[in-house]
C-alpha atoms as a PDB file:
ATOM      1  CA  UNK A   1     376.006 -58.935 -26.664  1.00  0.00           C
ATOM      2  CA  UNK A   2     375.080 -61.859 -24.397  1.00  0.00           C
ATOM      3  CA  UNK A   3     374.376 -61.228 -20.732  1.00  0.00           C
ATOM      4  CA  UNK A   4     375.560 -63.692 -18.062  1.00  0.00           C
ATOM      5  CA  UNK A   5     373.062 -65.383 -15.767  1.00  0.00           C
ATOM      6  CA  UNK A   6     371.951 -63.143 -12.912  1.00  0.00           C
ATOM      7  CA  UNK A   7     369.174 -63.444 -10.318  1.00  0.00           C
ATOM      8  CA  UNK A   8     365.737 -62.903 -11.837  1.00  0.00           C
ATOM      9  CA  UNK A   9     364.427 -59.365 -11.493  1.00  0.00           C
ATOM     10  CA  UNK A  10     367.821 -57.621 -11.082  1.00  0.00           C
ATOM     11  CA  UNK A  11     368.167 -54.640 -13.478  1.00  0.00           C
ATOM     12  CA  UNK A  12     371.325 -54.209 -15.532  1.00  0.00           C
ATOM     13  CA  UNK A  13     373.862 -51.396 -15.185  1.00  0.00           C
ATOM     14  CA  UNK A  14     376.618 -51.096 -17.764  1.00  0.00           C
ATOM     15  CA  UNK A  15     379.968 -50.789 -15.896  1.00  0.00           C
ATOM     16  CA  UNK A  16     382.781 -48.453 -16.927  1.00  0.00           C
ATOM     17  CA  UNK A  17     384.826 -51.393 -18.219  1.00  0.00           C
ATOM     18  CA  UNK A  18     382.660 -52.969 -20.966  1.00  0.00           C
ATOM     19  CA  UNK A  19     384.452 -56.298 -20.553  1.00  0.00           C
ATOM     20  CA  UNK A  20     382.983 -56.657 -17.076  1.00  0.00           C
ATOM     21  CA  UNK A  21     379.246 -57.214 -16.544  1.00  0.00           C
ATOM     22  CA  UNK A  22     377.670 -56.771 -13.141  1.00  0.00           C
ATOM     23  CA  UNK A  23     374.126 -56.904 -11.851  1.00  0.00           C
ATOM     24  CA  UNK A  24     372.987 -54.360  -9.322  1.00  0.00           C
ATOM     25  CA  UNK A  25     369.941 -54.419  -7.058  1.00  0.00           C
ATOM     26  CA  UNK A  26     368.037 -51.131  -7.099  1.00  0.00           C
ATOM     27  CA  UNK A  27     366.511 -50.093  -3.788  1.00  0.00           C
ATOM     28  CA  UNK A  28     362.965 -51.422  -3.228  1.00  0.00           C
ATOM     29  CA  UNK A  29     360.173 -48.833  -3.387  1.00  0.00           C
ATOM     30  CA  UNK A  30     358.786 -47.856  -0.009  1.00  0.00           C
ATOM     31  CA  UNK A  31     355.893 -49.967   1.207  1.00  0.00           C
ATOM     32  CA  UNK A  32     352.536 -48.236   0.838  1.00  0.00           C
ATOM     33  CA  UNK A  33     350.437 -48.452   3.975  1.00  0.00           C
ATOM     34  CA  UNK A  34     346.808 -47.473   3.476  1.00  0.00           C
ATOM     35  CA  UNK A  35     345.087 -45.776   6.391  1.00  0.00           C
ATOM     36  CA  UNK A  36     342.485 -47.841   8.179  1.00  0.00           C
ATOM     37  CA  UNK A  37     340.114 -44.909   8.277  1.00  0.00           C
ATOM     38  CA  UNK A  38     336.997 -44.477   6.164  1.00  0.00           C
ATOM     39  CA  UNK A  39     337.161 -40.682   6.082  1.00  0.00           C
ATOM     40  CA  UNK A  40     340.779 -40.678   4.985  1.00  0.00           C
ATOM     41  CA  UNK A  41     340.353 -43.301   2.251  1.00  0.00           C
ATOM     42  CA  UNK A  42     337.240 -41.523   0.974  1.00  0.00           C
ATOM     43  CA  UNK A  43     339.203 -38.274   0.821  1.00  0.00           C
ATOM     44  CA  UNK A  44     341.913 -40.067  -1.167  1.00  0.00           C
ATOM     45  CA  UNK A  45     339.285 -41.423  -3.557  1.00  0.00           C
ATOM     46  CA  UNK A  46     337.758 -37.977  -4.057  1.00  0.00           C
ATOM     47  CA  UNK A  47     341.202 -36.511  -4.713  1.00  0.00           C
ATOM     48  CA  UNK A  48     341.837 -39.053  -7.460  1.00  0.00           C
ATOM     49  CA  UNK A  49     338.392 -38.490  -8.966  1.00  0.00           C
ATOM     50  CA  UNK A  50     338.933 -34.726  -8.982  1.00  0.00           C
ATOM     51  CA  UNK A  51     341.831 -35.134 -11.434  1.00  0.00           C
ATOM     52  CA  UNK A  52     339.418 -36.436 -14.056  1.00  0.00           C
ATOM     53  CA  UNK A  53     341.745 -39.364 -14.775  1.00  0.00           C
ATOM     54  CA  UNK A  54     340.253 -41.893 -12.378  1.00  0.00           C
ATOM     55  CA  UNK A  55     336.885 -43.404 -11.660  1.00  0.00           C
ATOM     56  CA  UNK A  56     336.572 -44.988  -8.222  1.00  0.00           C
ATOM     57  CA  UNK A  57     334.082 -47.777  -7.517  1.00  0.00           C
ATOM     58  CA  UNK A  58     332.875 -48.061  -3.943  1.00  0.00           C
ATOM     59  CA  UNK A  59     331.689 -51.308  -2.389  1.00  0.00           C
ATOM     60  CA  UNK A  60     327.918 -51.461  -2.080  1.00  0.00           C
ATOM     61  CA  UNK A  61     326.922 -51.442   1.582  1.00  0.00           C
ATOM     62  CA  UNK A  62     323.354 -52.808   1.984  1.00  0.00           C
ATOM     63  CA  UNK A  63     320.909 -50.459   3.633  1.00  0.00           C
ATOM     64  CA  UNK A  64     319.835 -51.265   7.169  1.00  0.00           C
ATOM     65  CA  UNK A  65     316.263 -52.434   7.731  1.00  0.00           C
ATOM     66  CA  UNK A  66     313.845 -50.128   9.495  1.00  0.00           C
ATOM     67  CA  UNK A  67     310.110 -50.066  10.202  1.00  0.00           C
ATOM     68  CA  UNK A  68     307.885 -48.993   7.325  1.00  0.00           C
ATOM     69  CA  UNK A  69     305.963 -45.746   7.396  1.00  0.00           C
ATOM     70  CA  UNK A  70     302.180 -45.946   7.362  1.00  0.00           C
ATOM     71  CA  UNK A  71     302.166 -44.031   4.057  1.00  0.00           C
ATOM     72  CA  UNK A  72     304.663 -46.307   2.304  1.00  0.00           C
ATOM     73  CA  UNK A  73     303.703 -48.609  -0.496  1.00  0.00           C
ATOM     74  CA  UNK A  74     305.588 -51.899  -0.498  1.00  0.00           C
ATOM     75  CA  UNK A  75     307.915 -53.172  -3.195  1.00  0.00           C
ATOM     76  CA  UNK A  76     309.773 -56.479  -3.378  1.00  0.00           C
ATOM     77  CA  UNK A  77     312.978 -57.191  -5.295  1.00  0.00           C
ATOM     78  CA  UNK A  78     313.432 -60.901  -5.906  1.00  0.00           C
ATOM     79  CA  UNK A  79     316.156 -63.131  -7.328  1.00  0.00           C
ATOM     80  CA  UNK A  80     316.093 -66.889  -7.927  1.00  0.00           C
ATOM     81  CA  UNK A  81     318.923 -69.343  -8.539  1.00  0.00           C
ATOM     82  CA  UNK A  82     317.892 -72.615 -10.169  1.00  0.00           C
ATOM     83  CA  UNK A  83     319.180 -75.959 -11.425  1.00  0.00           C
ATOM     84  CA  UNK A  84     318.779 -74.962 -15.087  1.00  0.00           C
ATOM     85  CA  UNK A  85     317.448 -72.269 -17.402  1.00  0.00           C
ATOM     86  CA  UNK A  86     314.392 -74.317 -18.350  1.00  0.00           C
ATOM     87  CA  UNK A  87     311.536 -72.516 -16.583  1.00  0.00           C
ATOM     88  CA  UNK A  88     309.140 -75.424 -17.152  1.00  0.00           C
ATOM     89  CA  UNK A  89     311.082 -77.998 -15.137  1.00  0.00           C
ATOM     90  CA  UNK A  90     313.990 -76.501 -13.180  1.00  0.00           C
ATOM     91  CA  UNK A  91     314.230 -76.596  -9.394  1.00  0.00           C
ATOM     92  CA  UNK A  92     314.920 -73.636  -7.128  1.00  0.00           C
ATOM     93  CA  UNK A  93     318.273 -73.647  -5.336  1.00  0.00           C
ATOM     94  CA  UNK A  94     317.963 -70.267  -3.659  1.00  0.00           C
ATOM     95  CA  UNK A  95     315.472 -67.456  -3.297  1.00  0.00           C
ATOM     96  CA  UNK A  96     316.319 -64.015  -1.974  1.00  0.00           C
ATOM     97  CA  UNK A  97     314.233 -60.877  -1.634  1.00  0.00           C
ATOM     98  CA  UNK A  98     314.503 -57.334  -0.319  1.00  0.00           C
ATOM     99  CA  UNK A  99     311.283 -55.645   0.796  1.00  0.00           C
ATOM    100  CA  UNK A 100     311.310 -51.866   0.570  1.00  0.00           C
ATOM    101  CA  UNK A 101     309.010 -48.927   1.118  1.00  0.00           C
ATOM    102  CA  UNK A 102     308.389 -46.229  -1.468  1.00  0.00           C
ATOM    103  CA  UNK A 103     306.467 -42.952  -1.616  1.00  0.00           C
ATOM    104  CA  UNK A 104     305.845 -40.964  -4.796  1.00  0.00           C
ATOM    105  CA  UNK A 105     307.803 -43.628  -6.671  1.00  0.00           C
ATOM    106  CA  UNK A 106     310.952 -43.047  -4.610  1.00  0.00           C
ATOM    107  CA  UNK A 107     312.497 -45.625  -2.313  1.00  0.00           C
ATOM    108  CA  UNK A 108     312.284 -44.539   1.309  1.00  0.00           C
ATOM    109  CA  UNK A 109     313.453 -47.535   3.329  1.00  0.00           C
ATOM    110  CA  UNK A 110     314.411 -51.187   3.456  1.00  0.00           C
ATOM    111  CA  UNK A 111     311.830 -53.054   5.518  1.00  0.00           C
ATOM    112  CA  UNK A 112     313.405 -56.510   5.590  1.00  0.00           C
ATOM    113  CA  UNK A 113     315.077 -59.328   3.689  1.00  0.00           C
ATOM    114  CA  UNK A 114     314.331 -62.980   2.971  1.00  0.00           C
ATOM    115  CA  UNK A 115     316.764 -65.687   1.907  1.00  0.00           C
ATOM    116  CA  UNK A 116     316.567 -69.447   1.723  1.00  0.00           C
ATOM    117  CA  UNK A 117     318.345 -72.424   0.147  1.00  0.00           C
ATOM    118  CA  UNK A 118     316.708 -75.594  -1.116  1.00  0.00           C
ATOM    119  CA  UNK A 119     318.308 -78.969  -1.793  1.00  0.00           C
ATOM    120  CA  UNK A 120     317.349 -80.233  -5.275  1.00  0.00           C
ATOM    121  CA  UNK A 121     316.413 -83.800  -6.180  1.00  0.00           C
ATOM    122  CA  UNK A 122     319.786 -84.419  -7.887  1.00  0.00           C
ATOM    123  CA  UNK A 123     323.372 -83.140  -7.476  1.00  0.00           C
ATOM    124  CA  UNK A 124     323.984 -79.655  -8.863  1.00  0.00           C
ATOM    125  CA  UNK A 125     325.629 -79.617 -12.290  1.00  0.00           C
ATOM    126  CA  UNK A 126     329.159 -78.088 -12.314  1.00  0.00           C
ATOM    127  CA  UNK A 127     328.034 -75.536 -14.911  1.00  0.00           C
ATOM    128  CA  UNK A 128     325.279 -74.341 -12.574  1.00  0.00           C
ATOM    129  CA  UNK A 129     327.714 -74.071  -9.675  1.00  0.00           C
ATOM    130  CA  UNK A 130     330.015 -72.001 -11.887  1.00  0.00           C
ATOM    131  CA  UNK A 131     327.074 -69.762 -12.850  1.00  0.00           C
ATOM    132  CA  UNK A 132     325.454 -69.357  -9.429  1.00  0.00           C
ATOM    133  CA  UNK A 133     328.258 -70.055  -6.957  1.00  0.00           C
ATOM    134  CA  UNK A 134     326.002 -72.547  -5.172  1.00  0.00           C
ATOM    135  CA  UNK A 135     327.438 -75.946  -4.236  1.00  0.00           C
ATOM    136  CA  UNK A 136     325.790 -79.136  -3.012  1.00  0.00           C
ATOM    137  CA  UNK A 137     327.229 -78.495   0.450  1.00  0.00           C
ATOM    138  CA  UNK A 138     325.500 -75.109   0.650  1.00  0.00           C
ATOM    139  CA  UNK A 139     322.028 -76.545   0.015  1.00  0.00           C
ATOM    140  CA  UNK A 140     322.441 -79.883   1.772  1.00  0.00           C
ATOM    141  CA  UNK A 141     319.475 -80.473   4.081  1.00  0.00           C
ATOM    142  CA  UNK A 142     317.883 -77.083   3.366  1.00  0.00           C
ATOM    143  CA  UNK A 143     314.326 -76.345   2.266  1.00  0.00           C
ATOM    144  CA  UNK A 144     312.585 -73.022   1.681  1.00  0.00           C
ATOM    145  CA  UNK A 145     309.862 -72.209   4.194  1.00  0.00           C
ATOM    146  CA  UNK A 146     306.870 -71.561   1.948  1.00  0.00           C
ATOM    147  CA  UNK A 147     304.684 -70.249   4.768  1.00  0.00           C
ATOM    148  CA  UNK A 148     307.322 -67.734   5.845  1.00  0.00           C
ATOM    149  CA  UNK A 149     307.799 -66.663   2.225  1.00  0.00           C
ATOM    150  CA  UNK A 150     304.061 -66.154   1.757  1.00  0.00           C
ATOM    151  CA  UNK A 151     303.885 -64.001   4.882  1.00  0.00           C
ATOM    152  CA  UNK A 152     306.864 -61.954   3.694  1.00  0.00           C
ATOM    153  CA  UNK A 153     305.302 -61.310   0.272  1.00  0.00           C
ATOM    154  CA  UNK A 154     301.674 -60.841   1.417  1.00  0.00           C
ATOM    155  CA  UNK A 155     301.546 -57.029   1.569  1.00  0.00           C
ATOM    156  CA  UNK A 156     303.610 -56.380  -1.564  1.00  0.00           C
ATOM    157  CA  UNK A 157     302.277 -53.996  -4.221  1.00  0.00           C
ATOM    158  CA  UNK A 158     304.894 -54.754  -6.903  1.00  0.00           C
ATOM    159  CA  UNK A 159     307.456 -57.547  -7.397  1.00  0.00           C
ATOM    160  CA  UNK A 160     310.613 -56.592  -9.300  1.00  0.00           C
ATOM    161  CA  UNK A 161     313.224 -58.916 -10.799  1.00  0.00           C
ATOM    162  CA  UNK A 162     316.194 -58.130 -13.013  1.00  0.00           C
ATOM    163  CA  UNK A 163     315.089 -60.912 -15.355  1.00  0.00           C
ATOM    164  CA  UNK A 164     311.370 -61.117 -14.663  1.00  0.00           C
ATOM    165  CA  UNK A 165     310.706 -63.166 -17.800  1.00  0.00           C
ATOM    166  CA  UNK A 166     312.642 -65.959 -16.065  1.00  0.00           C
ATOM    167  CA  UNK A 167     312.015 -65.356 -12.364  1.00  0.00           C
ATOM    168  CA  UNK A 168     308.239 -64.952 -12.577  1.00  0.00           C
ATOM    169  CA  UNK A 169     307.689 -68.212 -14.460  1.00  0.00           C
ATOM    170  CA  UNK A 170     309.783 -70.142 -11.949  1.00  0.00           C
ATOM    171  CA  UNK A 171     308.304 -68.401  -8.892  1.00  0.00           C
ATOM    172  CA  UNK A 172     304.711 -69.015 -10.003  1.00  0.00           C
ATOM    173  CA  UNK A 173     305.385 -72.691 -10.648  1.00  0.00           C
ATOM    174  CA  UNK A 174     306.847 -73.228  -7.173  1.00  0.00           C
ATOM    175  CA  UNK A 175     304.735 -70.789  -5.141  1.00  0.00           C
ATOM    176  CA  UNK A 176     301.249 -69.932  -6.502  1.00  0.00           C
ATOM    177  CA  UNK A 177     301.197 -66.853  -4.244  1.00  0.00           C
ATOM    178  CA  UNK A 178     303.156 -65.026  -6.973  1.00  0.00           C
ATOM    179  CA  UNK A 179     300.402 -65.536  -9.578  1.00  0.00           C
ATOM    180  CA  UNK A 180     298.316 -62.616  -8.325  1.00  0.00           C
ATOM    181  CA  UNK A 181     301.219 -60.194  -7.878  1.00  0.00           C
ATOM    182  CA  UNK A 182     302.036 -57.229 -10.112  1.00  0.00           C
ATOM    183  CA  UNK A 183     305.470 -57.707 -11.703  1.00  0.00           C
ATOM    184  CA  UNK A 184     308.089 -55.470 -13.315  1.00  0.00           C
ATOM    185  CA  UNK A 185     311.512 -56.129 -14.866  1.00  0.00           C
ATOM    186  CA  UNK A 186     314.361 -53.789 -13.987  1.00  0.00           C
ATOM    187  CA  UNK A 187     316.397 -55.063 -16.953  1.00  0.00           C
ATOM    188  CA  UNK A 188     313.833 -54.519 -19.721  1.00  0.00           C
ATOM    189  CA  UNK A 189     311.336 -52.144 -18.093  1.00  0.00           C
ATOM    190  CA  UNK A 190     313.715 -49.178 -18.308  1.00  0.00           C
ATOM    191  CA  UNK A 191     315.132 -47.947 -21.616  1.00  0.00           C
ATOM    192  CA  UNK A 192     318.725 -47.903 -20.402  1.00  0.00           C
ATOM    193  CA  UNK A 193     320.172 -47.085 -23.836  1.00  0.00           C
ATOM    194  CA  UNK A 194     317.984 -43.992 -24.091  1.00  0.00           C
ATOM    195  CA  UNK A 195     319.756 -42.763 -20.954  1.00  0.00           C
ATOM    196  CA  UNK A 196     323.220 -43.261 -22.432  1.00  0.00           C
ATOM    197  CA  UNK A 197     323.909 -46.713 -20.992  1.00  0.00           C
ATOM    198  CA  UNK A 198     325.065 -49.439 -23.350  1.00  0.00           C
ATOM    199  CA  UNK A 199     323.461 -52.411 -21.601  1.00  0.00           C
ATOM    200  CA  UNK A 200     321.323 -53.716 -18.773  1.00  0.00           C
ATOM    201  CA  UNK A 201     323.688 -56.181 -17.080  1.00  0.00           C
ATOM    202  CA  UNK A 202     323.475 -55.673 -13.348  1.00  0.00           C
ATOM    203  CA  UNK A 203     327.219 -55.394 -12.704  1.00  0.00           C
ATOM    204  CA  UNK A 204     327.541 -52.835 -15.503  1.00  0.00           C
ATOM    205  CA  UNK A 205     324.645 -50.695 -14.268  1.00  0.00           C
ATOM    206  CA  UNK A 206     326.026 -50.798 -10.749  1.00  0.00           C
ATOM    207  CA  UNK A 207     329.482 -49.711 -11.933  1.00  0.00           C
ATOM    208  CA  UNK A 208     327.902 -46.791 -13.786  1.00  0.00           C
ATOM    209  CA  UNK A 209     326.506 -45.748 -10.403  1.00  0.00           C
ATOM    210  CA  UNK A 210     330.036 -45.858  -8.975  1.00  0.00           C
ATOM    211  CA  UNK A 211     329.478 -49.085  -7.033  1.00  0.00           C
ATOM    212  CA  UNK A 212     330.472 -52.755  -7.094  1.00  0.00           C
ATOM    213  CA  UNK A 213     329.220 -55.782  -5.204  1.00  0.00           C
ATOM    214  CA  UNK A 214     329.945 -59.453  -4.636  1.00  0.00           C
ATOM    215  CA  UNK A 215     328.434 -61.317  -7.559  1.00  0.00           C
ATOM    216  CA  UNK A 216     326.783 -64.761  -7.400  1.00  0.00           C
ATOM    217  CA  UNK A 217     324.855 -64.162  -4.192  1.00  0.00           C
ATOM    218  CA  UNK A 218     321.151 -63.677  -4.788  1.00  0.00           C
ATOM    219  CA  UNK A 219     320.611 -61.314  -1.856  1.00  0.00           C
ATOM    220  CA  UNK A 220     323.559 -59.161  -2.947  1.00  0.00           C
ATOM    221  CA  UNK A 221     321.976 -58.863  -6.390  1.00  0.00           C
ATOM    222  CA  UNK A 222     318.691 -57.743  -4.811  1.00  0.00           C
ATOM    223  CA  UNK A 223     320.489 -54.992  -2.889  1.00  0.00           C
ATOM    224  CA  UNK A 224     322.234 -53.975  -6.127  1.00  0.00           C
ATOM    225  CA  UNK A 225     318.902 -53.610  -7.961  1.00  0.00           C
ATOM    226  CA  UNK A 226     317.587 -51.538  -5.052  1.00  0.00           C
ATOM    227  CA  UNK A 227     320.441 -49.030  -5.329  1.00  0.00           C
ATOM    228  CA  UNK A 228     320.078 -48.735  -9.099  1.00  0.00           C
ATOM    229  CA  UNK A 229     316.368 -47.980  -8.751  1.00  0.00           C
ATOM    230  CA  UNK A 230     316.935 -45.534  -5.905  1.00  0.00           C
ATOM    231  CA  UNK A 231     319.160 -43.248  -7.990  1.00  0.00           C
ATOM    232  CA  UNK A 232     318.063 -40.778 -10.641  1.00  0.00           C
ATOM    233  CA  UNK A 233     318.490 -41.882 -14.244  1.00  0.00           C
ATOM    234  CA  UNK A 234     321.407 -40.076 -15.962  1.00  0.00           C
ATOM    235  CA  UNK A 235     320.489 -36.569 -17.027  1.00  0.00           C
ATOM    236  CA  UNK A 236     317.050 -36.637 -15.386  1.00  0.00           C
ATOM    237  CA  UNK A 237     315.303 -35.870 -12.123  1.00  0.00           C
ATOM    238  CA  UNK A 238     313.428 -39.182 -12.314  1.00  0.00           C
ATOM    239  CA  UNK A 239     314.434 -42.167 -10.216  1.00  0.00           C
ATOM    240  CA  UNK A 240     314.943 -45.560 -11.784  1.00  0.00           C
ATOM    241  CA  UNK A 241     311.991 -46.836  -9.752  1.00  0.00           C
ATOM    242  CA  UNK A 242     309.696 -44.090 -11.084  1.00  0.00           C
ATOM    243  CA  UNK A 243     310.606 -44.936 -14.681  1.00  0.00           C
ATOM    244  CA  UNK A 244     310.091 -48.634 -14.049  1.00  0.00           C
ATOM    245  CA  UNK A 245     306.697 -48.141 -12.404  1.00  0.00           C
ATOM    246  CA  UNK A 246     305.564 -45.838 -15.211  1.00  0.00           C
ATOM    247  CA  UNK A 247     306.290 -48.636 -17.658  1.00  0.00           C
ATOM    248  CA  UNK A 248     304.679 -51.301 -15.484  1.00  0.00           C
ATOM    249  CA  UNK A 249     301.445 -49.324 -15.238  1.00  0.00           C
ATOM    250  CA  UNK A 250     301.068 -49.091 -19.018  1.00  0.00           C
ATOM    251  CA  UNK A 251     299.267 -52.026 -20.637  1.00  0.00           C
ATOM    252  CA  UNK A 252     300.717 -53.724 -23.699  1.00  0.00           C
ATOM    253  CA  UNK A 253     299.073 -55.822 -26.382  1.00  0.00           C
ATOM    254  CA  UNK A 254     300.457 -59.177 -27.487  1.00  0.00           C
ATOM    255  CA  UNK A 255     299.718 -59.665 -31.170  1.00  0.00           C
ATOM    256  CA  UNK A 256     300.175 -62.990 -32.964  1.00  0.00           C
ATOM    257  CA  UNK A 257     301.137 -63.014 -36.632  1.00  0.00           C
ATOM    258  CA  UNK A 258     299.734 -66.531 -37.018  1.00  0.00           C
ATOM    259  CA  UNK A 259     300.153 -67.939 -40.525  1.00  0.00           C
ATOM    260  CA  UNK A 260     302.332 -65.051 -41.705  1.00  0.00           C
ATOM    261  CA  UNK A 261     304.135 -65.791 -45.006  1.00  0.00           C
ATOM    262  CA  UNK A 262     307.473 -67.495 -44.394  1.00  0.00           C
ATOM    263  CA  UNK A 263     309.168 -65.190 -46.891  1.00  0.00           C
ATOM    264  CA  UNK A 264     308.439 -62.219 -44.600  1.00  0.00           C
ATOM    265  CA  UNK A 265     309.956 -63.699 -41.438  1.00  0.00           C
ATOM    266  CA  UNK A 266     312.988 -61.394 -41.618  1.00  0.00           C
ATOM    267  CA  UNK A 267     310.688 -58.385 -42.013  1.00  0.00           C
ATOM    268  CA  UNK A 268     308.793 -59.376 -38.884  1.00  0.00           C
ATOM    269  CA  UNK A 269     312.001 -60.028 -36.979  1.00  0.00           C
ATOM    270  CA  UNK A 270     313.384 -56.598 -37.869  1.00  0.00           C
ATOM    271  CA  UNK A 271     310.158 -55.044 -36.583  1.00  0.00           C
ATOM    272  CA  UNK A 272     310.658 -56.705 -33.191  1.00  0.00           C
ATOM    273  CA  UNK A 273     308.602 -59.870 -33.582  1.00  0.00           C
ATOM    274  CA  UNK A 274     309.793 -63.021 -31.811  1.00  0.00           C
ATOM    275  CA  UNK A 275     309.212 -66.641 -32.755  1.00  0.00           C
ATOM    276  CA  UNK A 276     307.283 -69.064 -30.555  1.00  0.00           C
ATOM    277  CA  UNK A 277     307.741 -72.745 -31.436  1.00  0.00           C
ATOM    278  CA  UNK A 278     304.382 -73.835 -30.016  1.00  0.00           C
ATOM    279  CA  UNK A 279     305.775 -76.226 -27.392  1.00  0.00           C
ATOM    280  CA  UNK A 280     304.294 -74.108 -24.582  1.00  0.00           C
ATOM    281  CA  UNK A 281     300.740 -74.429 -25.878  1.00  0.00           C
ATOM    282  CA  UNK A 282     300.698 -70.961 -27.408  1.00  0.00           C
ATOM    283  CA  UNK A 283     300.466 -70.405 -31.199  1.00  0.00           C
ATOM    284  CA  UNK A 284     303.373 -71.559 -33.317  1.00  0.00           C
ATOM    285  CA  UNK A 285     303.880 -68.130 -34.784  1.00  0.00           C
ATOM    286  CA  UNK A 286     305.640 -64.775 -34.674  1.00  0.00           C
ATOM    287  CA  UNK A 287     304.423 -62.363 -32.001  1.00  0.00           C
ATOM    288  CA  UNK A 288     305.122 -58.884 -30.662  1.00  0.00           C
ATOM    289  CA  UNK A 289     304.190 -56.865 -27.562  1.00  0.00           C
ATOM    290  CA  UNK A 290     302.979 -53.521 -28.879  1.00  0.00           C
ATOM    291  CA  UNK A 291     301.855 -50.347 -27.127  1.00  0.00           C
ATOM    292  CA  UNK A 292     299.511 -49.251 -29.942  1.00  0.00           C
ATOM    293  CA  UNK A 293     297.370 -52.211 -30.986  1.00  0.00           C
ATOM    294  CA  UNK A 294     295.418 -50.540 -33.781  1.00  0.00           C
ATOM    295  CA  UNK A 295     298.526 -49.350 -35.592  1.00  0.00           C
ATOM    296  CA  UNK A 296     300.152 -52.791 -35.368  1.00  0.00           C
ATOM    297  CA  UNK A 297     297.045 -54.623 -36.592  1.00  0.00           C
ATOM    298  CA  UNK A 298     296.798 -52.194 -39.496  1.00  0.00           C
ATOM    299  CA  UNK A 299     300.455 -52.871 -40.369  1.00  0.00           C
ATOM    300  CA  UNK A 300     299.946 -56.651 -40.371  1.00  0.00           C
ATOM    301  CA  UNK A 301     296.828 -56.495 -42.526  1.00  0.00           C
ATOM    302  CA  UNK A 302     298.366 -54.145 -45.112  1.00  0.00           C
ATOM    303  CA  UNK A 303     302.026 -55.183 -45.211  1.00  0.00           C
ATOM    304  CA  UNK A 304     302.089 -58.835 -44.183  1.00  0.00           C
ATOM    305  CA  UNK A 305     298.778 -60.531 -44.972  1.00  0.00           C
ATOM    306  CA  UNK A 306     297.496 -58.058 -47.619  1.00  0.00           C
ATOM    307  CA  UNK A 307     293.949 -58.616 -46.324  1.00  0.00           C
ATOM    308  CA  UNK A 308     292.042 -55.732 -44.766  1.00  0.00           C
ATOM    309  CA  UNK A 309     289.311 -57.932 -43.251  1.00  0.00           C
ATOM    310  CA  UNK A 310     291.579 -60.484 -41.527  1.00  0.00           C
ATOM    311  CA  UNK A 311     290.938 -61.292 -37.859  1.00  0.00           C
ATOM    312  CA  UNK A 312     294.207 -61.300 -35.892  1.00  0.00           C
ATOM    313  CA  UNK A 313     294.647 -62.831 -32.440  1.00  0.00           C
ATOM    314  CA  UNK A 314     295.744 -60.415 -29.735  1.00  0.00           C
ATOM    315  CA  UNK A 315     295.245 -59.759 -26.030  1.00  0.00           C
ATOM    316  CA  UNK A 316     295.981 -57.015 -23.521  1.00  0.00           C
ATOM    317  CA  UNK A 317     298.793 -57.559 -21.025  1.00  0.00           C
ATOM    318  CA  UNK A 318     299.134 -55.734 -17.698  1.00  0.00           C
ATOM    319  CA  UNK A 319     301.593 -56.030 -14.827  1.00  0.00           C
ATOM    320  CA  UNK A 320     299.339 -58.723 -13.344  1.00  0.00           C
ATOM    321  CA  UNK A 321     300.165 -61.164 -16.137  1.00  0.00           C
ATOM    322  CA  UNK A 322     303.245 -59.696 -17.874  1.00  0.00           C
ATOM    323  CA  UNK A 323     306.148 -62.222 -17.934  1.00  0.00           C
ATOM    324  CA  UNK A 324     303.835 -65.039 -16.764  1.00  0.00           C
ATOM    325  CA  UNK A 325     303.557 -68.441 -18.441  1.00  0.00           C
ATOM    326  CA  UNK A 326     299.826 -67.780 -18.630  1.00  0.00           C
ATOM    327  CA  UNK A 327     300.326 -65.312 -21.504  1.00  0.00           C
END
């Protein structure tokens, strides 16, 4: 049965006389007015959470800066936005950092923040603006104060980035002061999957902590990393920072499977080896970062090369050179 034209959104009610069709407007639901009161809204959130049917994400509020204690060690969380993903030639658009104090591998305070824009030599590509949120207007006429940055970083014991394999290479190329710093990666330096988390993306980790933040801003990302490291890992009494520092303190050994048979490339890949194409001056070969060097060398000699007396290139990596282009 066809219905006549009626205003959009009006529900139908079948009249007593089926030959007559009418449209009726149901009463509008009452307007919901949320209280402008933090205690009240938090109570509402807790009530919803208590049902077990809701998970509430709270906006991340950055910690206020305060003077460091004399007993604090100093950590630095850093984030860089650049003109491309090529660490050998890209330019820095923005640098942001949060300096924090820690004692017994637990974060105790935020000491200060640093943020600066830099205008690149060419207009920013639209794809980079979409990725970073940075426009030409935001960086126009800006340059990063290298002297102020060096002073800010000078007393740091550890530099942390959520993609240190990228950020360290770029930071060292633009500011040599980062060469002699100890580095750690909050994305790969913690075994997130072992703690029941399915990935290491920053927004995901933050949501698992019950928080959300404004993406795209480098300083916001630094504050997000800080909160993730300040909390205990799921099911443990160990903070994220403690786990990360434990990993950073352990040396690794980079082993090069130079000249390995091509037919065994899939075997090496399944074991965790990665391919280097040689364009960076390092061997054109498969390589792996292993904790136990003797066991890995024994595996290569017996299973890959089938030569017990073969010399294999390897070197020890510590937090002073991990993630650096020098490796």
